[in-house]
Amino acid sequence: MPKVVIESLESPGVTVTLDVKDGGALVDLCDENPTPVPFSCRSASCGTCRVDVLEGMDQLLAPEDEELDILDVFGDDPKKRRLACQAKMRPGVGLLRIRPVAVDV
């Protein structure tokens, strides 16, 4: 079963570790558990749920065009950063470590 470790941006050193069903969307995982990943739109249009992938990018399915378009708007490299509202885990065993992106206000 894959594991997802989500690091808190506001509280360094604080993490949430979750077991993931065999594959699935990160947004569903964050809906079902208290996590530090913010969501506003859930449809790849606002970018508030951007996460840095610190480890285990290979645990995610390749991004689709809609996600790539939004990442491009922010100048993000899809090999290092993803949208949690769009990213989907591969089935199988592995570890994904992510951290929300700091948003400039």
PDB file of N, CA and C in Angstrom:
ATOM      1  N   MET A   1       0.847  -1.174   0.000  1.00  0.00           N
ATOM      2  CA  MET A   1       0.000   0.000   0.000  1.00  0.00           C
ATOM      3  C   MET A   1       0.895   1.240   0.000  1.00  0.00           C
ATOM      4  N   PRO A   2       0.643   2.192  -0.905  1.00  0.00           N
ATOM      5  CA  PRO A   2       1.454   3.412  -0.932  1.00  0.00           C
ATOM      6  C   PRO A   2       1.221   4.271   0.311  1.00  0.00           C
ATOM      7  N   LYS A   3       2.246   5.019   0.676  1.00  0.00           N
ATOM      8  CA  LYS A   3       2.158   5.982   1.774  1.00  0.00           C
ATOM      9  C   LYS A   3       2.392   7.372   1.202  1.00  0.00           C
ATOM     10  N   VAL A   4       1.692   8.346   1.778  1.00  0.00           N
ATOM     11  CA  VAL A   4       1.904   9.744   1.437  1.00  0.00           C
ATOM     12  C   VAL A   4       2.283  10.469   2.722  1.00  0.00           C
ATOM     13  N   VAL A   5       3.403  11.172   2.663  1.00  0.00           N
ATOM     14  CA  VAL A   5       3.831  12.008   3.779  1.00  0.00           C
ATOM     15  C   VAL A   5       3.685  13.448   3.318  1.00  0.00           C
ATOM     16  N   ILE A   6       2.892  14.216   4.066  1.00  0.00           N
ATOM     17  CA  ILE A   6       2.655  15.610   3.717  1.00  0.00           C
ATOM     18  C   ILE A   6       3.296  16.478   4.795  1.00  0.00           C
ATOM     19  N   GLU A   7       4.256  17.281   4.375  1.00  0.00           N
ATOM     20  CA  GLU A   7       4.939  18.177   5.305  1.00  0.00           C
ATOM     21  C   GLU A   7       4.156  19.478   5.418  1.00  0.00           C
ATOM     22  N   SER A   8       4.091  20.006   6.632  1.00  0.00           N
ATOM     23  CA  SER A   8       3.418  21.277   6.864  1.00  0.00           C
ATOM     24  C   SER A   8       4.339  22.419   6.466  1.00  0.00           C
ATOM     25  N   LEU A   9       3.797  23.397   5.779  1.00  0.00           N
ATOM     26  CA  LEU A   9       4.556  24.574   5.406  1.00  0.00           C
ATOM     27  C   LEU A   9       4.663  25.540   6.589  1.00  0.00           C
ATOM     28  N   GLU A  10       3.572  25.678   7.351  1.00  0.00           N
ATOM     29  CA  GLU A  10       3.535  26.607   8.471  1.00  0.00           C
ATOM     30  C   GLU A  10       4.258  26.090   9.709  1.00  0.00           C
ATOM     31  N   SER A  11       4.319  24.780   9.889  1.00  0.00           N
ATOM     32  CA  SER A  11       4.939  24.189  11.076  1.00  0.00           C
ATOM     33  C   SER A  11       6.036  23.224  10.640  1.00  0.00           C
ATOM     34  N   PRO A  12       7.244  23.742  10.392  1.00  0.00           N
ATOM     35  CA  PRO A  12       8.336  22.868   9.954  1.00  0.00           C
ATOM     36  C   PRO A  12       8.537  21.693  10.915  1.00  0.00           C
ATOM     37  N   GLY A  13       8.749  20.539  10.340  1.00  0.00           N
ATOM     38  CA  GLY A  13       8.948  19.334  11.140  1.00  0.00           C
ATOM     39  C   GLY A  13       7.669  18.568  11.420  1.00  0.00           C
ATOM     40  N   VAL A  14       6.508  19.192  11.188  1.00  0.00           N
ATOM     41  CA  VAL A  14       5.223  18.529  11.399  1.00  0.00           C
ATOM     42  C   VAL A  14       4.801  17.876  10.090  1.00  0.00           C
ATOM     43  N   THR A  15       4.466  16.600  10.168  1.00  0.00           N
ATOM     44  CA  THR A  15       4.035  15.873   8.976  1.00  0.00           C
ATOM     45  C   THR A  15       2.747  15.108   9.251  1.00  0.00           C
ATOM     46  N   VAL A  16       2.044  14.794   8.189  1.00  0.00           N
ATOM     47  CA  VAL A  16       0.891  13.905   8.223  1.00  0.00           C
ATOM     48  C   VAL A  16       1.258  12.720   7.339  1.00  0.00           C
ATOM     49  N   THR A  17       1.179  11.513   7.878  1.00  0.00           N
ATOM     50  CA  THR A  17       1.493  10.309   7.102  1.00  0.00           C
ATOM     51  C   THR A  17       0.218   9.497   6.927  1.00  0.00           C
ATOM     52  N   LEU A  18      -0.080   9.160   5.679  1.00  0.00           N
ATOM     53  CA  LEU A  18      -1.320   8.463   5.355  1.00  0.00           C
ATOM     54  C   LEU A  18      -1.052   7.248   4.492  1.00  0.00           C
ATOM     55  N   ASP A  19      -1.785   6.178   4.767  1.00  0.00           N
ATOM     56  CA  ASP A  19      -1.792   5.022   3.875  1.00  0.00           C
ATOM     57  C   ASP A  19      -2.839   5.299   2.804  1.00  0.00           C
ATOM     58  N   VAL A  20      -2.507   4.987   1.577  1.00  0.00           N
ATOM     59  CA  VAL A  20      -3.382   5.279   0.453  1.00  0.00           C
ATOM     60  C   VAL A  20      -3.947   3.979  -0.082  1.00  0.00           C
ATOM     61  N   LYS A  21      -5.230   4.020  -0.430  1.00  0.00           N
ATOM     62  CA  LYS A  21      -5.804   2.874  -1.120  1.00  0.00           C
ATOM     63  C   LYS A  21      -4.980   2.657  -2.376  1.00  0.00           C
ATOM     64  N   ASP A  22      -5.131   1.561  -3.002  1.00  0.00           N
ATOM     65  CA  ASP A  22      -4.332   1.239  -4.178  1.00  0.00           C
ATOM     66  C   ASP A  22      -4.568   2.247  -5.298  1.00  0.00           C
ATOM     67  N   GLY A  23      -3.774   3.285  -5.307  1.00  0.00           N
ATOM     68  CA  GLY A  23      -3.936   4.336  -6.301  1.00  0.00           C
ATOM     69  C   GLY A  23      -4.977   5.345  -5.840  1.00  0.00           C
ATOM     70  N   GLY A  24      -5.266   6.311  -6.700  1.00  0.00           N
ATOM     71  CA  GLY A  24      -6.297   7.284  -6.370  1.00  0.00           C
ATOM     72  C   GLY A  24      -5.797   8.711  -6.412  1.00  0.00           C
ATOM     73  N   ALA A  25      -6.738   9.634  -6.322  1.00  0.00           N
ATOM     74  CA  ALA A  25      -6.444  11.054  -6.426  1.00  0.00           C
ATOM     75  C   ALA A  25      -6.007  11.634  -5.084  1.00  0.00           C
ATOM     76  N   LEU A  26      -5.024  12.517  -5.108  1.00  0.00           N
ATOM     77  CA  LEU A  26      -4.573  13.184  -3.884  1.00  0.00           C
ATOM     78  C   LEU A  26      -5.696  14.020  -3.280  1.00  0.00           C
ATOM     79  N   VAL A  27      -6.541  14.620  -4.111  1.00  0.00           N
ATOM     80  CA  VAL A  27      -7.631  15.437  -3.596  1.00  0.00           C
ATOM     81  C   VAL A  27      -8.568  14.603  -2.717  1.00  0.00           C
ATOM     82  N   ASP A  28      -8.826  13.361  -3.096  1.00  0.00           N
ATOM     83  CA  ASP A  28      -9.683  12.496  -2.294  1.00  0.00           C
ATOM     84  C   ASP A  28      -9.022  12.169  -0.963  1.00  0.00           C
ATOM     85  N   LEU A  29      -7.750  11.904  -0.997  1.00  0.00           N
ATOM     86  CA  LEU A  29      -6.997  11.620   0.222  1.00  0.00           C
ATOM     87  C   LEU A  29      -7.063  12.818   1.176  1.00  0.00           C
ATOM     88  N   CYS A  30      -6.912  14.016   0.631  1.00  0.00           N
ATOM     89  CA  CYS A  30      -6.953  15.224   1.453  1.00  0.00           C
ATOM     90  C   CYS A  30      -8.364  15.530   1.940  1.00  0.00           C
ATOM     91  N   ASP A  31      -9.377  15.136   1.192  1.00  0.00           N
ATOM     92  CA  ASP A  31     -10.763  15.305   1.636  1.00  0.00           C
ATOM     93  C   ASP A  31     -11.079  14.383   2.814  1.00  0.00           C
ATOM     94  N   GLU A  32     -10.517  13.189   2.788  1.00  0.00           N
ATOM     95  CA  GLU A  32     -10.833  12.170   3.791  1.00  0.00           C
ATOM     96  C   GLU A  32     -10.018  12.312   5.073  1.00  0.00           C
ATOM     97  N   ASN A  33      -8.972  13.149   5.047  1.00  0.00           N
ATOM     98  CA  ASN A  33      -8.078  13.288   6.186  1.00  0.00           C
ATOM     99  C   ASN A  33      -7.700  14.749   6.386  1.00  0.00           C
ATOM    100  N   PRO A  34      -7.440  15.133   7.635  1.00  0.00           N
ATOM    101  CA  PRO A  34      -6.963  16.507   7.844  1.00  0.00           C
ATOM    102  C   PRO A  34      -5.521  16.637   7.348  1.00  0.00           C
ATOM    103  N   THR A  35      -5.308  17.476   6.344  1.00  0.00           N
ATOM    104  CA  THR A  35      -3.971  17.677   5.785  1.00  0.00           C
ATOM    105  C   THR A  35      -3.718  19.173   5.617  1.00  0.00           C
ATOM    106  N   PRO A  36      -2.452  19.567   5.499  1.00  0.00           N
ATOM    107  CA  PRO A  36      -2.129  20.984   5.327  1.00  0.00           C
ATOM    108  C   PRO A  36      -2.149  21.462   3.874  1.00  0.00           C
ATOM    109  N   VAL A  37      -2.827  20.730   2.993  1.00  0.00           N
ATOM    110  CA  VAL A  37      -2.884  21.127   1.582  1.00  0.00           C
ATOM    111  C   VAL A  37      -4.155  21.943   1.353  1.00  0.00           C
ATOM    112  N   PRO A  38      -4.015  23.212   0.928  1.00  0.00           N
ATOM    113  CA  PRO A  38      -5.201  24.036   0.688  1.00  0.00           C
ATOM    114  C   PRO A  38      -5.837  23.730  -0.669  1.00  0.00           C
ATOM    115  N   PHE A  39      -7.159  23.779  -0.708  1.00  0.00           N
ATOM    116  CA  PHE A  39      -7.902  23.603  -1.954  1.00  0.00           C
ATOM    117  C   PHE A  39      -8.910  24.728  -2.069  1.00  0.00           C
ATOM    118  N   SER A  40      -9.004  25.314  -3.245  1.00  0.00           N
ATOM    119  CA  SER A  40     -10.039  26.321  -3.483  1.00  0.00           C
ATOM    120  C   SER A  40     -10.954  25.884  -4.620  1.00  0.00           C
ATOM    121  N   CYS A  41     -10.377  25.474  -5.751  1.00  0.00           N
ATOM    122  CA  CYS A  41     -11.233  25.251  -6.919  1.00  0.00           C
ATOM    123  C   CYS A  41     -11.497  23.773  -7.218  1.00  0.00           C
ATOM    124  N   ARG A  42     -10.538  22.912  -6.997  1.00  0.00           N
ATOM    125  CA  ARG A  42     -10.636  21.471  -7.274  1.00  0.00           C
ATOM    126  C   ARG A  42     -10.793  21.130  -8.752  1.00  0.00           C
ATOM    127  N   SER A  43     -10.481  22.080  -9.627  1.00  0.00           N
ATOM    128  CA  SER A  43     -10.641  21.793 -11.059  1.00  0.00           C
ATOM    129  C   SER A  43      -9.481  22.323 -11.892  1.00  0.00           C
ATOM    130  N   ALA A  44      -8.308  22.410 -11.297  1.00  0.00           N
ATOM    131  CA  ALA A  44      -7.091  22.833 -12.009  1.00  0.00           C
ATOM    132  C   ALA A  44      -7.226  24.215 -12.627  1.00  0.00           C
ATOM    133  N   SER A  45      -7.761  25.157 -11.862  1.00  0.00           N
ATOM    134  CA  SER A  45      -7.841  26.508 -12.415  1.00  0.00           C
ATOM    135  C   SER A  45      -7.226  27.568 -11.518  1.00  0.00           C
ATOM    136  N   CYS A  46      -7.014  27.288 -10.217  1.00  0.00           N
ATOM    137  CA  CYS A  46      -6.527  28.371  -9.358  1.00  0.00           C
ATOM    138  C   CYS A  46      -5.084  28.178  -8.895  1.00  0.00           C
ATOM    139  N   GLY A  47      -4.636  26.961  -8.711  1.00  0.00           N
ATOM    140  CA  GLY A  47      -3.251  26.715  -8.323  1.00  0.00           C
ATOM    141  C   GLY A  47      -2.968  26.757  -6.834  1.00  0.00           C
ATOM    142  N   THR A  48      -3.994  26.913  -5.976  1.00  0.00           N
ATOM    143  CA  THR A  48      -3.727  26.974  -4.531  1.00  0.00           C
ATOM    144  C   THR A  48      -3.233  25.643  -3.972  1.00  0.00           C
ATOM    145  N   CYS A  49      -3.499  24.565  -4.652  1.00  0.00           N
ATOM    146  CA  CYS A  49      -3.128  23.242  -4.139  1.00  0.00           C
ATOM    147  C   CYS A  49      -1.804  22.731  -4.723  1.00  0.00           C
ATOM    148  N   ARG A  50      -0.986  23.645  -5.250  1.00  0.00           N
ATOM    149  CA  ARG A  50       0.302  23.205  -5.787  1.00  0.00           C
ATOM    150  C   ARG A  50       1.161  22.639  -4.665  1.00  0.00           C
ATOM    151  N   VAL A  51       1.816  21.526  -4.950  1.00  0.00           N
ATOM    152  CA  VAL A  51       2.688  20.887  -3.969  1.00  0.00           C
ATOM    153  C   VAL A  51       4.044  20.601  -4.598  1.00  0.00           C
ATOM    154  N   ASP A  52       5.077  20.769  -3.782  1.00  0.00           N
ATOM    155  CA  ASP A  52       6.406  20.323  -4.181  1.00  0.00           C
ATOM    156  C   ASP A  52       6.484  18.838  -3.908  1.00  0.00           C
ATOM    157  N   VAL A  53       6.957  18.083  -4.882  1.00  0.00           N
ATOM    158  CA  VAL A  53       7.158  16.647  -4.686  1.00  0.00           C
ATOM    159  C   VAL A  53       8.605  16.475  -4.245  1.00  0.00           C
ATOM    160  N   LEU A  54       8.778  16.157  -2.977  1.00  0.00           N
ATOM    161  CA  LEU A  54      10.103  16.044  -2.382  1.00  0.00           C
ATOM    162  C   LEU A  54      10.707  14.665  -2.588  1.00  0.00           C
ATOM    163  N   GLU A  55       9.841  13.679  -2.755  1.00  0.00           N
ATOM    164  CA  GLU A  55      10.289  12.293  -2.938  1.00  0.00           C
ATOM    165  C   GLU A  55       9.149  11.500  -3.559  1.00  0.00           C
ATOM    166  N   GLY A  56       9.482  10.618  -4.481  1.00  0.00           N
ATOM    167  CA  GLY A  56       8.502   9.686  -5.011  1.00  0.00           C
ATOM    168  C   GLY A  56       7.667  10.169  -6.181  1.00  0.00           C
ATOM    169  N   MET A  57       8.200  11.051  -7.011  1.00  0.00           N
ATOM    170  CA  MET A  57       7.444  11.512  -8.182  1.00  0.00           C
ATOM    171  C   MET A  57       6.969  10.322  -9.020  1.00  0.00           C
ATOM    172  N   ASP A  58       7.740   9.248  -9.015  1.00  0.00           N
ATOM    173  CA  ASP A  58       7.362   8.062  -9.779  1.00  0.00           C
ATOM    174  C   ASP A  58       6.121   7.369  -9.215  1.00  0.00           C
ATOM    175  N   GLN A  59       5.653   7.775  -8.037  1.00  0.00           N
ATOM    176  CA  GLN A  59       4.433   7.220  -7.452  1.00  0.00           C
ATOM    177  C   GLN A  59       3.177   7.873  -8.027  1.00  0.00           C
ATOM    178  N   LEU A  60       3.360   8.932  -8.821  1.00  0.00           N
ATOM    179  CA  LEU A  60       2.227   9.642  -9.421  1.00  0.00           C
ATOM    180  C   LEU A  60       2.106   9.325 -10.906  1.00  0.00           C
ATOM    181  N   LEU A  61       0.875   9.257 -11.377  1.00  0.00           N
ATOM    182  CA  LEU A  61       0.640   9.125 -12.809  1.00  0.00           C
ATOM    183  C   LEU A  61       1.077  10.418 -13.488  1.00  0.00           C
ATOM    184  N   ALA A  62       1.399  10.357 -14.748  1.00  0.00           N
ATOM    185  CA  ALA A  62       1.827  11.537 -15.500  1.00  0.00           C
ATOM    186  C   ALA A  62       0.715  12.579 -15.507  1.00  0.00           C
ATOM    187  N   PRO A  63       1.076  13.867 -15.446  1.00  0.00           N
ATOM    188  CA  PRO A  63       0.056  14.915 -15.466  1.00  0.00           C
ATOM    189  C   PRO A  63      -0.638  14.982 -16.823  1.00  0.00           C
ATOM    190  N   GLU A  64      -1.929  15.320 -16.784  1.00  0.00           N
ATOM    191  CA  GLU A  64      -2.689  15.497 -18.026  1.00  0.00           C
ATOM    192  C   GLU A  64      -2.569  16.950 -18.479  1.00  0.00           C
ATOM    193  N   ASP A  65      -3.054  17.233 -19.678  1.00  0.00           N
ATOM    194  CA  ASP A  65      -2.888  18.556 -20.290  1.00  0.00           C
ATOM    195  C   ASP A  65      -3.401  19.702 -19.423  1.00  0.00           C
ATOM    196  N   GLU A  66      -4.559  19.536 -18.805  1.00  0.00           N
ATOM    197  CA  GLU A  66      -5.150  20.600 -17.978  1.00  0.00           C
ATOM    198  C   GLU A  66      -4.212  20.975 -16.822  1.00  0.00           C
ATOM    199  N   GLU A  67      -3.652  19.972 -16.162  1.00  0.00           N
ATOM    200  CA  GLU A  67      -2.709  20.232 -15.074  1.00  0.00           C
ATOM    201  C   GLU A  67      -1.439  20.890 -15.605  1.00  0.00           C
ATOM    202  N   LEU A  68      -0.939  20.390 -16.721  1.00  0.00           N
ATOM    203  CA  LEU A  68       0.275  20.966 -17.305  1.00  0.00           C
ATOM    204  C   LEU A  68       0.077  22.436 -17.676  1.00  0.00           C
ATOM    205  N   ASP A  69      -1.115  22.773 -18.161  1.00  0.00           N
ATOM    206  CA  ASP A  69      -1.400  24.164 -18.527  1.00  0.00           C
ATOM    207  C   ASP A  69      -1.312  25.082 -17.304  1.00  0.00           C
ATOM    208  N   ILE A  70      -1.881  24.664 -16.183  1.00  0.00           N
ATOM    209  CA  ILE A  70      -1.851  25.497 -14.968  1.00  0.00           C
ATOM    210  C   ILE A  70      -0.440  25.573 -14.405  1.00  0.00           C
ATOM    211  N   LEU A  71       0.268  24.465 -14.383  1.00  0.00           N
ATOM    212  CA  LEU A  71       1.653  24.501 -13.901  1.00  0.00           C
ATOM    213  C   LEU A  71       2.489  25.451 -14.751  1.00  0.00           C
ATOM    214  N   ASP A  72       2.221  25.468 -16.047  1.00  0.00           N
ATOM    215  CA  ASP A  72       2.943  26.359 -16.953  1.00  0.00           C
ATOM    216  C   ASP A  72       2.661  27.829 -16.642  1.00  0.00           C
ATOM    217  N   VAL A  73       1.420  28.140 -16.287  1.00  0.00           N
ATOM    218  CA  VAL A  73       1.045  29.515 -15.933  1.00  0.00           C
ATOM    219  C   VAL A  73       1.912  30.011 -14.766  1.00  0.00           C
ATOM    220  N   PHE A  74       2.186  29.129 -13.814  1.00  0.00           N
ATOM    221  CA  PHE A  74       2.992  29.490 -12.651  1.00  0.00           C
ATOM    222  C   PHE A  74       4.490  29.325 -12.895  1.00  0.00           C
ATOM    223  N   GLY A  75       4.851  28.795 -14.062  1.00  0.00           N
ATOM    224  CA  GLY A  75       6.261  28.561 -14.355  1.00  0.00           C
ATOM    225  C   GLY A  75       6.832  27.383 -13.587  1.00  0.00           C
ATOM    226  N   ASP A  76       5.962  26.441 -13.208  1.00  0.00           N
ATOM    227  CA  ASP A  76       6.373  25.283 -12.412  1.00  0.00           C
ATOM    228  C   ASP A  76       6.832  24.129 -13.296  1.00  0.00           C
ATOM    229  N   ASP A  77       7.841  23.432 -12.841  1.00  0.00           N
ATOM    230  CA  ASP A  77       8.351  22.246 -13.517  1.00  0.00           C
ATOM    231  C   ASP A  77       7.530  21.035 -13.065  1.00  0.00           C
ATOM    232  N   PRO A  78       6.791  20.384 -13.984  1.00  0.00           N
ATOM    233  CA  PRO A  78       5.967  19.238 -13.590  1.00  0.00           C
ATOM    234  C   PRO A  78       6.783  18.024 -13.134  1.00  0.00           C
ATOM    235  N   LYS A  79       8.103  18.109 -13.229  1.00  0.00           N
ATOM    236  CA  LYS A  79       8.945  17.035 -12.699  1.00  0.00           C
ATOM    237  C   LYS A  79       9.260  17.272 -11.229  1.00  0.00           C
ATOM    238  N   LYS A  80       8.856  18.450 -10.694  1.00  0.00           N
ATOM    239  CA  LYS A  80       9.124  18.787  -9.295  1.00  0.00           C
ATOM    240  C   LYS A  80       7.879  19.244  -8.547  1.00  0.00           C
ATOM    241  N   ARG A  81       6.871  19.671  -9.265  1.00  0.00           N
ATOM    242  CA  ARG A  81       5.698  20.267  -8.636  1.00  0.00           C
ATOM    243  C   ARG A  81       4.443  19.765  -9.336  1.00  0.00           C
ATOM    244  N   ARG A  82       3.381  19.542  -8.543  1.00  0.00           N
ATOM    245  CA  ARG A  82       2.115  19.056  -9.099  1.00  0.00           C
ATOM    246  C   ARG A  82       0.945  19.778  -8.456  1.00  0.00           C
ATOM    247  N   LEU A  83      -0.238  19.627  -9.048  1.00  0.00           N
ATOM    248  CA  LEU A  83      -1.475  20.118  -8.468  1.00  0.00           C
ATOM    249  C   LEU A  83      -2.125  18.960  -7.722  1.00  0.00           C
ATOM    250  N   ALA A  84      -2.352  19.142  -6.423  1.00  0.00           N
ATOM    251  CA  ALA A  84      -2.947  18.060  -5.635  1.00  0.00           C
ATOM    252  C   ALA A  84      -4.382  17.768  -6.074  1.00  0.00           C
ATOM    253  N   CYS A  85      -5.051  18.751  -6.676  1.00  0.00           N
ATOM    254  CA  CYS A  85      -6.422  18.510  -7.137  1.00  0.00           C
ATOM    255  C   CYS A  85      -6.468  17.611  -8.373  1.00  0.00           C
ATOM    256  N   GLN A  86      -5.339  17.450  -9.053  1.00  0.00           N
ATOM    257  CA  GLN A  86      -5.301  16.680 -10.289  1.00  0.00           C
ATOM    258  C   GLN A  86      -4.427  15.429 -10.213  1.00  0.00           C
ATOM    259  N   ALA A  87      -3.416  15.432  -9.343  1.00  0.00           N
ATOM    260  CA  ALA A  87      -2.446  14.334  -9.282  1.00  0.00           C
ATOM    261  C   ALA A  87      -3.104  13.048  -8.771  1.00  0.00           C
ATOM    262  N   LYS A  88      -2.731  11.952  -9.396  1.00  0.00           N
ATOM    263  CA  LYS A  88      -3.266  10.640  -9.018  1.00  0.00           C
ATOM    264  C   LYS A  88      -2.114   9.688  -8.733  1.00  0.00           C
ATOM    265  N   MET A  89      -2.279   8.918  -7.647  1.00  0.00           N
ATOM    266  CA  MET A  89      -1.275   7.932  -7.245  1.00  0.00           C
ATOM    267  C   MET A  89      -1.368   6.685  -8.120  1.00  0.00           C
ATOM    268  N   ARG A  90      -0.201   6.093  -8.370  1.00  0.00           N
ATOM    269  CA  ARG A  90      -0.159   4.790  -9.027  1.00  0.00           C
ATOM    270  C   ARG A  90      -0.508   3.720  -7.990  1.00  0.00           C
ATOM    271  N   PRO A  91      -1.107   2.618  -8.416  1.00  0.00           N
ATOM    272  CA  PRO A  91      -1.304   1.514  -7.480  1.00  0.00           C
ATOM    273  C   PRO A  91       0.040   0.858  -7.166  1.00  0.00           C
ATOM    274  N   GLY A  92       0.121   0.208  -6.023  1.00  0.00           N
ATOM    275  CA  GLY A  92       1.339  -0.497  -5.652  1.00  0.00           C
ATOM    276  C   GLY A  92       1.938   0.066  -4.389  1.00  0.00           C
ATOM    277  N   VAL A  93       3.134  -0.372  -4.096  1.00  0.00           N
ATOM    278  CA  VAL A  93       3.824   0.032  -2.876  1.00  0.00           C
ATOM    279  C   VAL A  93       4.798   1.151  -3.201  1.00  0.00           C
ATOM    280  N   GLY A  94       4.877   2.141  -2.325  1.00  0.00           N
ATOM    281  CA  GLY A  94       5.827   3.223  -2.521  1.00  0.00           C
ATOM    282  C   GLY A  94       5.589   4.344  -1.537  1.00  0.00           C
ATOM    283  N   LEU A  95       6.425   5.374  -1.634  1.00  0.00           N
ATOM    284  CA  LEU A  95       6.339   6.523  -0.746  1.00  0.00           C
ATOM    285  C   LEU A  95       6.325   7.802  -1.570  1.00  0.00           C
ATOM    286  N   LEU A  96       5.383   8.672  -1.259  1.00  0.00           N
ATOM    287  CA  LEU A  96       5.298   9.997  -1.862  1.00  0.00           C
ATOM    288  C   LEU A  96       5.414  11.008  -0.731  1.00  0.00           C
ATOM    289  N   ARG A  97       6.359  11.937  -0.847  1.00  0.00           N
ATOM    290  CA  ARG A  97       6.530  12.997   0.154  1.00  0.00           C
ATOM    291  C   ARG A  97       6.299  14.331  -0.551  1.00  0.00           C
ATOM    292  N   ILE A  98       5.322  15.104  -0.029  1.00  0.00           N
ATOM    293  CA  ILE A  98       4.974  16.379  -0.641  1.00  0.00           C
ATOM    294  C   ILE A  98       4.910  17.485   0.409  1.00  0.00           C
ATOM    295  N   ARG A  99       4.952  18.731  -0.069  1.00  0.00           N
ATOM    296  CA  ARG A  99       4.801  19.898   0.806  1.00  0.00           C
ATOM    297  C   ARG A  99       4.067  20.982   0.015  1.00  0.00           C
ATOM    298  N   PRO A 100       3.035  21.602   0.609  1.00  0.00           N
ATOM    299  CA  PRO A 100       2.354  22.694  -0.088  1.00  0.00           C
ATOM    300  C   PRO A 100       3.336  23.794  -0.465  1.00  0.00           C
ATOM    301  N   VAL A 101       3.047  24.472  -1.563  1.00  0.00           N
ATOM    302  CA  VAL A 101       3.873  25.566  -2.045  1.00  0.00           C
ATOM    303  C   VAL A 101       3.460  26.843  -1.315  1.00  0.00           C
ATOM    304  N   ALA A 102       4.448  27.631  -0.908  1.00  0.00           N
ATOM    305  CA  ALA A 102       4.156  28.916  -0.287  1.00  0.00           C
ATOM    306  C   ALA A 102       3.503  29.821  -1.321  1.00  0.00           C
ATOM    307  N   VAL A 103       2.390  30.431  -0.954  1.00  0.00           N
ATOM    308  CA  VAL A 103       1.653  31.302  -1.851  1.00  0.00           C
ATOM    309  C   VAL A 103       1.936  32.750  -1.457  1.00  0.00           C
ATOM    310  N   ASP A 104       2.379  33.561  -2.424  1.00  0.00           N
ATOM    311  CA  ASP A 104       2.601  34.984  -2.171  1.00  0.00           C
ATOM    312  C   ASP A 104       1.263  35.704  -2.111  1.00  0.00           C
ATOM    313  N   VAL A 105       1.085  36.521  -1.083  1.00  0.00           N
ATOM    314  CA  VAL A 105      -0.167  37.295  -0.967  1.00  0.00           C
ATOM    315  C   VAL A 105       0.106  38.757  -1.066  1.00  0.00           C
TER     316      VAL A 105
END
